[in-house]
Amino acid sequence: MTGTSGDRDAGRCDWCGSDPLYVAYHDEEWGVPEYDSRALWEKLVLDGFQAGLAWITILRKRDAFRAAFEDFDPEVIAHWGEADVQRLLGNAGIVRHRGKIEAAITNAQAWIAMEERGGFDRFIWDYVDGVPLKNTFQSMADVPPSTEMSARMSKDLKKAGFKFCGPTIVYAWLEATGVVNDHLVGCFRHDAVTEMAREQGA
């Protein structure tokens, strides 16, 4: 469900501006409930790479990231070492930051361990009892940079071995993956993503 052109004319969240790539991301992906464990992990890693940067920078590099990171297969990345870090540091198509690259490897290892304990997806969605939290913010000024839940989840993720997962990064990730619906009430996607959750049995 992506809404009609009439719905779009009614309004959308203003953070995406007019950049076609950003608008498509907002209209088709941001806030859609994600239940796939690997996809949730990929988005967390990308949000970690975003730290200190604009999200549009990551979007523009996402295909290059996927090529460089073996389609974000944690089973592969978990076994990478220094040679792989050096290879990625030489890849101009991605964000070349040693700490973030090394964190992706560590996070792959943490993801595997969590999968063996019941699943990364279950770990995340249990915070909201499997049902996306639907906020009713009127403007971007109302949207918090982090919440008590994102702080708690950040602490638990770090305890499980994850890195680059502070409360602000985690909250942005929860918004992107639809665990939290932060489309503004005047946005045509606000009700659409809630309906998607119902259709998927959330």
Protein backbone atom coordinates (compact mmCIF):
# COMPACT_ATOMS: atom_id res chain seq x y z
CA MET A 1 0.00 0.00 0.00
CA THR A 2 1.63 3.26 -1.10
CA GLY A 3 -1.34 5.59 -1.21
CA THR A 4 -2.84 7.46 -4.13
CA SER A 5 -1.57 10.58 -5.83
CA GLY A 6 -4.42 12.39 -4.11
CA ASP A 7 -3.13 11.17 -0.76
CA ARG A 8 0.34 12.47 -1.62
CA ASP A 9 -1.09 15.86 -2.51
CA ALA A 10 -2.59 15.99 0.97
CA GLY A 11 0.88 16.12 2.50
CA ARG A 12 3.91 14.18 3.64
CA CYS A 13 6.54 14.50 6.36
CA ASP A 14 8.67 17.50 5.45
CA TRP A 15 12.01 15.94 6.44
CA CYS A 16 12.38 14.30 3.02
CA GLY A 17 12.25 17.60 1.14
CA SER A 18 12.01 17.32 -2.64
CA ASP A 19 14.96 15.05 -3.48
CA PRO A 20 13.40 12.21 -5.56
CA LEU A 21 15.47 9.54 -3.81
CA TYR A 22 14.51 10.83 -0.38
CA VAL A 23 10.84 11.21 -1.34
CA ALA A 24 10.71 7.64 -2.68
CA TYR A 25 12.33 6.36 0.52
CA HIS A 26 9.74 8.21 2.60
CA ASP A 27 6.79 7.10 0.47
CA GLU A 28 7.72 3.46 0.02
CA GLU A 29 10.04 2.33 2.81
CA TRP A 30 10.39 4.55 5.88
CA GLY A 31 8.12 3.43 8.67
CA VAL A 32 7.00 0.20 7.00
CA PRO A 33 7.02 -2.52 9.70
CA GLU A 34 10.04 -4.76 9.13
CA TYR A 35 9.88 -8.25 10.62
CA ASP A 36 12.80 -9.91 8.83
CA SER A 37 15.70 -10.42 11.24
CA ARG A 38 18.47 -9.91 8.70
CA ALA A 39 16.85 -6.82 7.20
CA LEU A 40 16.47 -5.32 10.67
CA TRP A 41 20.17 -5.91 11.24
CA GLU A 42 21.14 -4.32 7.91
CA LYS A 43 19.20 -1.19 8.74
CA LEU A 44 20.79 -0.96 12.18
CA VAL A 45 24.26 -1.19 10.63
CA LEU A 46 23.39 1.50 8.08
CA ASP A 47 22.02 3.74 10.82
CA GLY A 48 25.32 3.26 12.62
CA PHE A 49 27.18 4.39 9.50
CA GLN A 50 24.92 7.44 9.35
CA ALA A 51 26.12 8.74 12.74
CA GLY A 52 27.32 12.31 12.18
CA LEU A 53 26.03 12.35 8.60
CA ALA A 54 22.77 13.05 6.79
CA TRP A 55 20.66 9.97 6.00
CA ILE A 56 20.49 10.98 2.34
CA THR A 57 24.26 10.37 2.20
CA ILE A 58 23.69 6.75 3.21
CA LEU A 59 20.79 6.36 0.81
CA ARG A 60 22.95 7.50 -2.08
CA LYS A 61 25.61 4.99 -1.11
CA ARG A 62 23.30 2.12 -0.14
CA ASP A 63 23.86 0.06 -3.30
CA ALA A 64 27.62 0.44 -2.88
CA PHE A 65 27.30 -0.59 0.77
CA ARG A 66 25.35 -3.69 -0.18
CA ALA A 67 27.94 -4.67 -2.78
CA ALA A 68 30.83 -4.07 -0.37
CA PHE A 69 29.14 -5.90 2.52
CA GLU A 70 28.03 -9.03 0.65
CA ASP A 71 24.38 -7.95 0.68
CA PHE A 72 24.72 -7.54 4.43
CA ASP A 73 24.99 -11.23 5.14
CA PRO A 74 25.96 -11.36 8.82
CA GLU A 75 27.04 -15.00 8.51
CA VAL A 76 29.75 -13.86 6.10
CA ILE A 77 30.67 -10.56 7.73
CA ALA A 78 31.09 -12.14 11.17
CA HIS A 79 34.23 -13.90 9.90
CA TRP A 80 35.91 -10.85 8.40
CA GLY A 81 39.26 -9.62 9.66
CA GLU A 82 41.81 -6.86 9.17
CA ALA A 83 42.26 -7.56 5.45
CA ASP A 84 38.55 -6.95 4.93
CA VAL A 85 38.66 -3.77 7.00
CA GLN A 86 41.51 -2.49 4.84
CA ARG A 87 39.61 -3.42 1.67
CA LEU A 88 36.59 -1.45 2.82
CA LEU A 89 38.70 1.52 3.90
CA GLY A 90 39.85 1.70 0.29
CA ASN A 91 36.30 1.65 -1.09
CA ALA A 92 35.30 5.21 -2.02
CA GLY A 93 31.69 4.11 -2.57
CA ILE A 94 30.98 3.72 1.15
CA VAL A 95 31.61 5.68 4.33
CA ARG A 96 35.24 4.89 5.10
CA HIS A 97 35.35 4.92 8.88
CA ARG A 98 37.36 2.22 10.63
CA GLY A 99 35.29 2.26 13.81
CA LYS A 100 32.02 1.86 11.94
CA ILE A 101 33.39 -0.89 9.70
CA GLU A 102 34.74 -2.80 12.68
CA ALA A 103 31.41 -2.29 14.46
CA ALA A 104 29.60 -3.90 11.51
CA ILE A 105 31.76 -7.01 11.97
CA THR A 106 31.19 -7.06 15.72
CA ASN A 107 27.46 -6.51 15.20
CA ALA A 108 27.32 -9.46 12.80
CA GLN A 109 28.79 -11.66 15.52
CA ALA A 110 26.33 -10.26 18.07
CA TRP A 111 23.44 -10.83 15.64
CA ILE A 112 24.39 -14.50 15.20
CA ALA A 113 24.52 -14.99 18.95
CA MET A 114 21.13 -13.34 19.35
CA GLU A 115 19.63 -15.46 16.57
CA GLU A 116 20.72 -18.53 18.50
CA ARG A 117 18.96 -17.19 21.61
CA GLY A 118 15.58 -16.78 19.94
CA GLY A 119 16.01 -14.27 17.14
CA PHE A 120 17.03 -10.67 16.64
CA ASP A 121 13.59 -9.85 15.25
CA ARG A 122 11.85 -11.22 18.32
CA PHE A 123 14.24 -9.32 20.59
CA ILE A 124 13.27 -6.04 18.90
CA TRP A 125 9.54 -6.52 18.49
CA ASP A 126 9.07 -7.81 22.03
CA TYR A 127 9.65 -4.22 23.23
CA VAL A 128 6.29 -3.27 21.71
CA ASP A 129 4.55 -6.66 22.08
CA GLY A 130 4.74 -7.10 18.31
CA VAL A 131 2.55 -4.05 17.61
CA PRO A 132 4.06 -0.83 16.16
CA LEU A 133 3.75 2.21 18.39
CA LYS A 134 1.65 4.81 16.57
CA ASN A 135 2.53 8.36 17.55
CA THR A 136 0.46 11.41 16.67
CA PHE A 137 3.05 14.12 16.16
CA GLN A 138 1.85 17.26 14.38
CA SER A 139 5.27 18.60 13.34
CA MET A 140 8.91 17.58 13.26
CA ALA A 141 9.47 19.78 16.30
CA ASP A 142 7.32 17.34 18.28
CA VAL A 143 9.42 14.28 17.40
CA PRO A 144 11.99 13.42 20.09
CA PRO A 145 15.59 12.49 19.20
CA SER A 146 15.32 9.52 21.55
CA THR A 147 12.94 8.00 24.06
CA GLU A 148 13.01 5.95 27.23
CA MET A 149 12.43 2.85 25.12
CA SER A 150 15.26 3.61 22.69
CA ALA A 151 17.58 4.26 25.64
CA ARG A 152 16.60 0.94 27.20
CA MET A 153 16.99 -0.91 23.91
CA SER A 154 20.36 0.77 23.29
CA LYS A 155 21.58 -0.40 26.69
CA ASP A 156 20.37 -3.95 26.02
CA LEU A 157 21.93 -4.04 22.56
CA LYS A 158 25.28 -2.88 23.94
CA LYS A 159 25.04 -5.52 26.65
CA ALA A 160 24.53 -8.09 23.86
CA GLY A 161 27.71 -6.92 22.12
CA PHE A 162 26.40 -4.39 19.58
CA LYS A 163 28.19 -1.12 18.84
CA PHE A 164 27.19 2.21 17.29
CA CYS A 165 23.72 1.82 18.78
CA GLY A 166 23.23 4.81 21.05
CA PRO A 167 19.68 5.93 21.97
CA THR A 168 19.44 8.43 19.10
CA ILE A 169 20.66 5.94 16.49
CA VAL A 170 18.30 3.31 17.88
CA TYR A 171 15.32 5.66 17.77
CA ALA A 172 16.01 6.60 14.14
CA TRP A 173 16.23 2.88 13.40
CA LEU A 174 12.93 2.14 15.15
CA GLU A 175 11.27 4.85 13.07
CA ALA A 176 12.76 3.54 9.84
CA THR A 177 11.73 -0.06 10.51
CA GLY A 178 8.20 0.77 11.60
CA VAL A 179 8.57 -0.38 15.18
CA VAL A 180 7.54 3.20 15.86
CA ASN A 181 5.22 5.00 13.43
CA ASP A 182 6.46 8.59 13.40
CA HIS A 183 4.87 9.72 10.17
CA LEU A 184 3.24 13.03 11.04
CA VAL A 185 -0.54 12.97 11.34
CA GLY A 186 -0.84 15.17 8.25
CA CYS A 187 1.23 12.74 6.18
CA PHE A 188 -0.56 10.40 3.79
CA ARG A 189 1.62 7.54 5.08
CA HIS A 190 0.59 7.90 8.72
CA ASP A 191 -2.43 5.62 8.47
CA ALA A 192 -1.07 3.58 5.55
CA VAL A 193 1.81 2.03 7.50
CA THR A 194 -0.54 1.21 10.38
CA GLU A 195 -2.73 -0.68 7.94
CA MET A 196 0.34 -2.53 6.66
CA ALA A 197 1.05 -3.72 10.19
CA ARG A 198 -2.50 -5.05 10.47
CA GLU A 199 -2.19 -6.86 7.15
CA GLN A 200 1.02 -8.52 8.32
CA GLY A 201 -0.65 -9.69 11.49
CA ALA A 202 1.09 -7.32 13.86
